[in-house]
Structures are given as structure tokens and as C-alpha cells.
Protein backbone atom coordinates (compact mmCIF):
# COMPACT_ATOMS: atom_id res chain seq x y z
CA UNK A 1 -0.18 0.06 0.19
CA UNK A 2 1.51 3.49 -0.98
CA UNK A 3 1.91 5.42 2.28
CA UNK A 4 1.68 9.40 2.36
CA UNK A 5 4.94 10.10 2.28
CA UNK A 6 5.38 7.86 -1.01
CA UNK A 7 2.73 9.54 -2.44
CA UNK A 8 4.21 13.03 -1.38
CA UNK A 9 7.51 12.43 -3.16
CA UNK A 10 5.55 11.37 -6.48
CA UNK A 11 3.05 14.01 -6.20
CA UNK A 12 6.22 16.70 -5.94
CA UNK A 13 8.20 15.00 -8.50
CA UNK A 14 4.81 14.92 -11.03
CA UNK A 15 3.95 18.41 -10.48
CA UNK A 16 7.82 20.06 -10.54
CA UNK A 17 7.99 18.42 -13.71
CA UNK A 18 5.09 20.53 -15.11
CA UNK A 19 7.15 23.14 -14.42
CA UNK A 20 5.71 23.75 -10.70
CA UNK A 21 8.39 25.27 -8.07
CA UNK A 22 6.78 24.28 -5.31
CA UNK A 23 8.85 25.21 -2.94
CA UNK A 24 6.81 26.81 0.21
CA UNK A 25 4.54 23.89 -0.63
CA UNK A 26 7.11 21.05 -0.59
CA UNK A 27 8.52 22.26 2.58
CA UNK A 28 4.96 22.81 4.14
CA UNK A 29 3.86 19.16 2.80
CA UNK A 30 6.81 17.37 4.51
CA UNK A 31 5.63 18.87 7.55
CA UNK A 32 2.01 18.02 7.26
CA UNK A 33 2.98 14.34 5.99
CA UNK A 34 5.09 14.51 9.29
CA UNK A 35 2.14 15.36 11.46
CA UNK A 36 0.21 12.94 10.12
CA UNK A 37 2.66 10.25 10.84
CA UNK A 38 2.53 11.50 14.45
CA UNK A 39 -1.44 10.97 14.34
CA UNK A 40 -0.54 7.33 12.78
CA UNK A 41 -3.37 8.08 9.84
CA UNK A 42 -2.95 6.22 6.39
CA UNK A 43 -5.17 9.06 4.29
CA UNK A 44 -5.73 12.60 4.76
CA UNK A 45 -8.63 13.86 6.47
CA UNK A 46 -10.45 17.04 6.61
CA UNK A 47 -10.28 17.16 10.42
CA UNK A 48 -6.54 16.41 10.78
CA UNK A 49 -5.57 18.87 7.53
CA UNK A 50 -7.33 21.73 9.33
CA UNK A 51 -5.97 20.77 12.63
CA UNK A 52 -2.56 20.62 10.56
CA UNK A 53 -3.32 24.36 8.99
CA UNK A 54 -4.59 25.97 11.93
CA UNK A 55 -1.57 24.86 14.88
CA UNK A 56 1.05 27.05 12.75
CA UNK A 57 1.31 30.26 15.61
CA UNK A 58 1.53 33.83 15.13
CA UNK A 59 0.69 33.97 11.50
CA UNK A 60 -2.54 35.50 9.77
CA UNK A 61 -5.42 33.32 8.85
CA UNK A 62 -4.58 34.11 5.06
CA UNK A 63 -1.28 31.94 5.44
CA UNK A 64 -3.38 29.13 7.37
CA UNK A 65 -5.69 29.12 4.38
CA UNK A 66 -2.66 29.05 2.37
CA UNK A 67 -1.65 25.60 3.99
CA UNK A 68 -4.91 24.31 3.96
CA UNK A 69 -4.70 24.80 0.08
CA UNK A 70 -1.59 22.93 -0.14
CA UNK A 71 -3.10 19.95 1.38
CA UNK A 72 -6.32 20.50 -0.76
CA UNK A 73 -4.20 19.93 -3.50
CA UNK A 74 -2.31 16.78 -2.48
CA UNK A 75 -5.51 15.72 -0.93
CA UNK A 76 -6.89 15.85 -4.88
CA UNK A 77 -3.77 13.58 -5.80
CA UNK A 78 -4.51 11.39 -3.77
CA UNK A 79 -8.30 10.54 -4.12
CA UNK A 80 -7.14 9.29 -6.99
CA UNK A 81 -5.08 6.55 -5.68
CA UNK A 82 -6.82 5.85 -2.37
CA UNK A 83 -10.44 6.28 -2.25
CA UNK A 84 -10.59 6.66 2.18
CA UNK A 85 -9.27 10.12 0.75
CA UNK A 86 -11.17 13.56 1.94
CA UNK A 87 -10.48 16.53 0.56
CA UNK A 88 -11.02 19.81 2.59
CA UNK A 89 -13.39 22.42 0.98
CA UNK A 90 -12.22 25.91 0.11
CA UNK A 91 -14.14 27.94 2.70
CA UNK A 92 -12.74 25.87 5.90
CA UNK A 93 -11.01 29.04 6.99
CA UNK A 94 -12.51 31.92 6.53
CA UNK A 95 -9.78 35.18 5.97
CA UNK A 96 -9.59 38.22 3.64
CA UNK A 97 -6.31 38.56 1.90
CA UNK A 98 -5.03 42.53 2.44
CA UNK A 99 -1.95 43.30 -0.03
CA UNK A 100 0.54 45.48 1.79
CA UNK A 101 0.57 49.05 0.69
CA UNK A 102 3.76 48.87 -1.18
CA UNK A 103 6.66 51.83 -0.83
CA UNK A 104 6.87 54.03 -3.78
CA UNK A 105 10.49 54.98 -4.54
CA UNK A 106 10.56 58.59 -5.92
CA UNK A 107 12.66 59.31 -8.71
CA UNK A 108 15.23 60.94 -6.49
CA UNK A 109 14.73 57.71 -4.47
CA UNK A 110 16.15 55.67 -7.42
CA UNK A 111 18.98 58.21 -8.01
CA UNK A 112 20.01 57.69 -4.40
CA UNK A 113 20.09 54.36 -4.07
CA UNK A 114 21.87 53.91 -7.46
CA UNK A 115 24.29 56.85 -6.16
CA UNK A 116 25.14 54.45 -2.91
CA UNK A 117 25.61 51.14 -5.14
CA UNK A 118 28.42 52.56 -6.93
CA UNK A 119 30.26 53.70 -3.49
CA UNK A 120 30.25 50.14 -2.38
CA UNK A 121 33.65 48.78 -1.30
CA UNK A 122 36.05 47.67 -2.76
CA UNK A 123 36.21 50.51 -5.20
CA UNK A 124 38.69 48.43 -7.46
CA UNK A 125 36.06 45.60 -7.24
CA UNK A 126 33.02 44.59 -9.60
CA UNK A 127 30.46 44.25 -6.40
CA UNK A 128 29.49 48.13 -6.72
CA UNK A 129 29.06 47.78 -10.96
CA UNK A 130 26.95 44.50 -10.07
CA UNK A 131 24.61 46.46 -7.72
CA UNK A 132 24.28 49.51 -9.78
CA UNK A 133 23.16 47.57 -12.77
CA UNK A 134 20.65 45.33 -10.78
CA UNK A 135 18.82 47.82 -8.74
CA UNK A 136 19.17 49.86 -11.90
CA UNK A 137 17.70 47.29 -13.86
CA UNK A 138 15.01 46.46 -11.52
CA UNK A 139 13.48 49.87 -11.32
CA UNK A 140 13.08 50.23 -15.13
CA UNK A 141 12.08 47.04 -16.52
CA UNK A 142 9.55 45.56 -13.26
CA UNK A 143 11.67 42.06 -13.47
CA UNK A 144 11.29 39.94 -10.07
CA UNK A 145 14.81 39.84 -8.61
CA UNK A 146 14.72 36.00 -8.89
CA UNK A 147 14.24 36.79 -12.56
CA UNK A 148 17.13 39.31 -12.70
CA UNK A 149 19.47 36.83 -10.68
CA UNK A 150 18.74 33.90 -13.66
CA UNK A 151 19.77 35.87 -16.51
CA UNK A 152 22.71 34.59 -17.89
CA UNK A 153 24.61 35.90 -20.96
CA UNK A 154 22.81 34.18 -23.53
CA UNK A 155 19.22 36.12 -22.78
CA UNK A 156 20.62 39.34 -23.04
CA UNK A 157 20.52 40.56 -26.81
CA UNK A 158 21.42 43.87 -26.27
CA UNK A 159 21.89 44.30 -30.35
CA UNK A 160 17.95 43.89 -30.36
CA UNK A 161 17.12 45.19 -27.09
CA UNK A 162 15.75 42.34 -25.53
CA UNK A 163 15.76 40.22 -22.55
CA UNK A 164 14.92 36.62 -23.09
CA UNK A 165 12.96 35.58 -19.28
CA UNK A 166 13.10 32.07 -18.64
CA UNK A 167 11.14 29.70 -16.10
CA UNK A 168 9.59 32.34 -14.40
CA UNK A 169 7.64 32.47 -11.19
CA UNK A 170 5.06 30.35 -12.97
CA UNK A 171 7.01 28.43 -15.38
CA UNK A 172 6.63 30.53 -18.29
CA UNK A 173 8.93 32.25 -20.95
CA UNK A 174 8.63 36.02 -22.00
CA UNK A 175 10.80 38.68 -23.49
CA UNK A 176 11.38 42.03 -22.09
CA UNK A 177 12.48 44.91 -24.85
CA UNK A 178 14.41 47.56 -23.12
CA UNK A 179 15.05 51.16 -23.64
CA UNK A 180 17.96 52.28 -25.30
CA UNK A 181 19.50 53.63 -21.96
CA UNK A 182 18.84 50.47 -20.07
CA UNK A 183 20.67 48.99 -22.83
CA UNK A 184 23.72 51.65 -22.47
CA UNK A 185 23.94 50.75 -18.56
CA UNK A 186 23.72 47.13 -19.34
CA UNK A 187 26.21 46.82 -21.94
CA UNK A 188 28.56 49.11 -19.42
CA UNK A 189 28.29 46.28 -17.18
CA UNK A 190 28.86 43.47 -19.28
CA UNK A 191 32.14 45.09 -20.51
CA UNK A 192 33.27 45.63 -17.35
CA UNK A 193 32.08 42.12 -15.98
CA UNK A 194 34.32 40.68 -18.37
CA UNK A 195 37.34 41.99 -17.30
CA UNK A 196 36.49 40.50 -14.14
CA UNK A 197 35.13 36.77 -15.60
CA UNK A 198 38.08 36.70 -18.07
CA UNK A 199 39.61 33.55 -15.93
CA UNK A 200 36.14 32.00 -15.06
CA UNK A 201 33.71 30.16 -16.87
CA UNK A 202 30.35 31.82 -15.47
CA UNK A 203 27.58 32.23 -17.75
CA UNK A 204 25.05 34.33 -15.00
CA UNK A 205 25.10 38.41 -15.88
CA UNK A 206 25.10 39.41 -11.77
CA UNK A 207 28.13 38.22 -10.47
CA UNK A 208 29.59 38.75 -6.37
CA UNK A 209 33.18 39.92 -6.27
CA UNK A 210 34.03 36.03 -6.30
CA UNK A 211 32.45 36.26 -9.79
CA UNK A 212 29.89 33.68 -8.66
CA UNK A 213 25.99 33.84 -9.12
CA UNK A 214 24.45 36.67 -7.08
CA UNK A 215 22.30 35.23 -4.32
CA UNK A 216 18.67 36.22 -2.87
CA UNK A 217 20.20 36.86 0.58
CA UNK A 218 23.46 39.00 -0.75
CA UNK A 219 20.77 41.25 -3.24
CA UNK A 220 18.41 41.67 -0.10
CA UNK A 221 21.17 42.19 2.49
CA UNK A 222 22.98 45.32 0.49
CA UNK A 223 19.83 46.81 -0.96
CA UNK A 224 18.23 47.11 2.97
CA UNK A 225 21.93 48.39 4.05
CA UNK A 226 21.75 51.13 1.01
CA UNK A 227 18.32 52.39 2.25
CA UNK A 228 19.43 52.94 5.67
CA UNK A 229 22.23 54.43 4.35
CA UNK A 230 20.29 57.21 2.16
CA UNK A 231 18.19 57.58 4.83
CA UNK A 232 15.15 55.79 3.93
CA UNK A 233 12.84 54.54 6.55
CA UNK A 234 9.69 52.14 7.73
CA UNK A 235 6.56 53.47 6.22
CA UNK A 236 3.17 52.59 7.81
CA UNK A 237 2.87 49.52 10.14
CA UNK A 238 6.61 49.25 10.37
CA UNK A 239 6.84 48.01 6.51
CA UNK A 240 10.34 48.67 5.06
CA UNK A 241 10.59 49.21 1.33
CA UNK A 242 10.96 45.92 -0.08
CA UNK A 243 13.44 44.85 -3.42
CA UNK A 244 9.73 44.12 -5.15
CA UNK A 245 8.58 47.72 -4.64
CA UNK A 246 11.22 48.54 -7.68
CA UNK A 247 8.78 46.43 -9.61
CA UNK A 248 5.79 48.50 -8.32
CA UNK A 249 7.05 51.37 -8.92
CA UNK A 250 7.61 50.69 -12.76
CA UNK A 251 3.98 49.08 -12.98
CA UNK A 252 2.53 52.58 -11.34
CA UNK A 253 4.86 54.54 -13.07
CA UNK A 254 3.81 53.18 -16.32
CA UNK A 255 0.24 53.01 -16.05
CA UNK A 256 0.50 57.02 -14.84
CA UNK A 257 2.44 58.07 -18.21
CA UNK A 258 -0.33 56.12 -20.01
CA UNK A 259 -2.89 58.57 -18.38
CA UNK A 260 -0.81 61.30 -18.57
CA UNK A 261 -0.32 60.33 -22.42
CA UNK A 262 -4.00 60.28 -22.96
CA UNK A 263 -4.05 56.60 -23.62
CA UNK A 264 -6.75 54.21 -23.35
CA UNK A 265 -5.26 52.42 -19.88
CA UNK A 266 -8.19 49.97 -20.11
CA UNK A 267 -7.27 48.40 -23.51
CA UNK A 268 -3.23 48.82 -22.25
CA UNK A 269 -3.70 46.89 -19.18
CA UNK A 270 -3.22 43.40 -21.24
CA UNK A 271 0.44 45.19 -22.86
CA UNK A 272 1.30 45.63 -19.07
CA UNK A 273 0.51 42.23 -17.51
CA UNK A 274 2.37 40.46 -20.46
CA UNK A 275 5.11 42.41 -19.73
CA UNK A 276 5.07 41.95 -16.13
CA UNK A 277 4.68 38.09 -16.51
CA UNK A 278 1.63 38.03 -14.74
CA UNK A 279 -0.79 35.05 -15.20
CA UNK A 280 -4.07 36.75 -14.23
CA UNK A 281 -5.25 40.18 -15.44
CA UNK A 282 -6.46 41.09 -11.59
CA UNK A 283 -2.86 41.11 -10.47
CA UNK A 284 -2.20 44.09 -12.77
CA UNK A 285 -5.35 45.57 -12.31
CA UNK A 286 -4.35 46.01 -8.43
CA UNK A 287 -2.04 48.47 -9.23
CA UNK A 288 -4.65 50.91 -10.28
CA UNK A 289 -5.87 51.03 -6.46
CA UNK A 290 -2.35 50.93 -5.40
CA UNK A 291 -1.40 55.12 -5.74
CA UNK A 292 -3.36 57.94 -4.86
CA UNK A 293 -2.39 59.47 -8.09
CA UNK A 294 -3.50 56.93 -10.54
CA UNK A 295 -7.06 56.82 -8.61
CA UNK A 296 -7.21 60.77 -9.62
CA UNK A 297 -6.10 60.50 -12.52
CA UNK A 298 -9.04 57.39 -13.48
CA UNK A 299 -11.36 60.02 -11.72
CA UNK A 300 -10.52 62.94 -14.39
CA UNK A 301 -10.60 60.81 -17.07
CA UNK A 302 -14.46 59.61 -16.43
CA UNK A 303 -15.61 62.95 -15.83
CA UNK A 304 -13.89 63.96 -18.73
CA UNK A 305 -15.98 60.92 -20.63
CA UNK A 306 -19.08 62.35 -18.80
CA UNK A 307 -18.96 65.75 -19.91
CA UNK A 308 -18.30 64.58 -23.70
CA UNK A 309 -21.30 62.83 -23.24
CA UNK A 310 -23.31 65.23 -21.76
């Protein structure tokens, strides 16, 4: 008879073969199976799934519902093999997901951040150029930090001003066109990088001073230290600026510019959605309510429309 642990191994292998990374889900489900072992349970039940999801302390209900969602997906897989399996319902944990308000980087904030990056030591090393180019690229391209770190030289077609983003958050690839000014900065960085990696066989674009691919922790740690250095502090509810907020800035500034140019924002939203790599349009629509200026511009556009109709 298949045990839950065996079923979990098969489940993770199957879904990852389809392109799903399942980092958090995989870790959570391994904990769930250990919990089931402690209960001497041979199959998933709604009662035990809910007990495991709710036992997480110090987390919001949305995170508990997410844990239950892990089990629900796993249980659906198990039910095809063990008919005793119970699939938890979606509404067992009532929660309201509230997206945190992002920090809005002004143009001056970005300029200070990039200037501080160029002052990183050692001055003769690659590190300062790596972070100057990385943080600048995030602010003008809307890339996720993981996508930028994963870039290789083969992904950069600077002649055509296009980046190829492979194996993104949702397992899809996309093309990201770049402005000529961005191409110039990226090209300058790659030339400097080449002088450091002459003796190394490394294809990743963003490297540390050891000519190894830049890690997420290295990027995050440097980002936070530079923010503290230039005086950008926590905002409401103690939330510090995040690396992901540079992506928010790009999306919001794009929408603001479209409104100012008099473009049909509603029709162009799918373009921005594809550019950002969103799988659902609602993720892009969220930016319309993420900044007061966007709401004001949308209101002005609506008022102009009704004035023309009257």
C-alpha cells in the first residue's frame, strides 16, 4: 500500500515535471506528512488537514488558509489512488487577503540608491557595478529579483534590446524589450564584468566579487543596508521598503504615464500584464488602486468622458 510519504514524493515529482517549483508547498507538505505520521493516519482527512493548518502560531488567517490549500491540492492527487481520502473544502478558513501597501520610490530615491551602490567597496571590485546595474534594471524593467538574478549572457540580446526571461515564477518565459538608455548601462556593466571573469567560466549576468552568481540574500542584504545609508525608513505599520517595490514603481509609473499621454489604459493593461509576467489580469488591475495619483487620473478621465456625453 502506498504511504502518504510515498504519495507526496510522487506528487512533487509529477508537478515539478510540469514546471511548478513548489518551494514553500513542498516544505509545508513534508511537515504535514510528518504530522500525519505522528497521528498514525494512513490517509488525508478534513479534520486532520484543518488541525495541521490551524496549528501554525503567529501567522494570519490567510497564511493558514494557504497551508490548507497545499493539503487540498495534495489530497486531490491522493484521492485518485486512495478512495478513503477526504478533500478539504475551500471555505473552511475564512480570511480576507489584504495586500500590503508598497513603498513608492520617487525618482530621487532611485537616484540616491544607485549613487550609494556605486560607492560600495572595494572600489576596484565588481560588486558596486553589479548592484548599480541590478537595482537600476529592476526599477526600469519591472523584473522580479529572481528573474534578474537568473539572467544569463545568452538571455541578453542587446543588439535587439531584448531580454529573454526563462522559467519565471509561473514556469513561463517571456521577452522584455529595453529602452536604449537601459541597454547602454547594461552593456557598460557587461564590459566591466568581462574583465573580472576572464579566468572564470560563468554565464550568469549578475555576479559577486568572487565571480559567482549573486544570491538572493546578498541582493537583499545590500539593498537594505543601502536604504538605511540613504535614509529611507519604514512607512506605515512598520513596513520597510522591499526589493519588490521597485517592480511596483515601474508598473505604477507606466500606468501614470499612459494616463498623462491620454492613452486608453483599459485596453493597454493586457500589454503591461504580459510585460510583467502576470498570469491573471487582476494582478495588474491591482496597481490601479495602489497609488492615489492613479485614482485621481482615472477619476479625471471618467469625468471628461461624461462631460463629452452630456
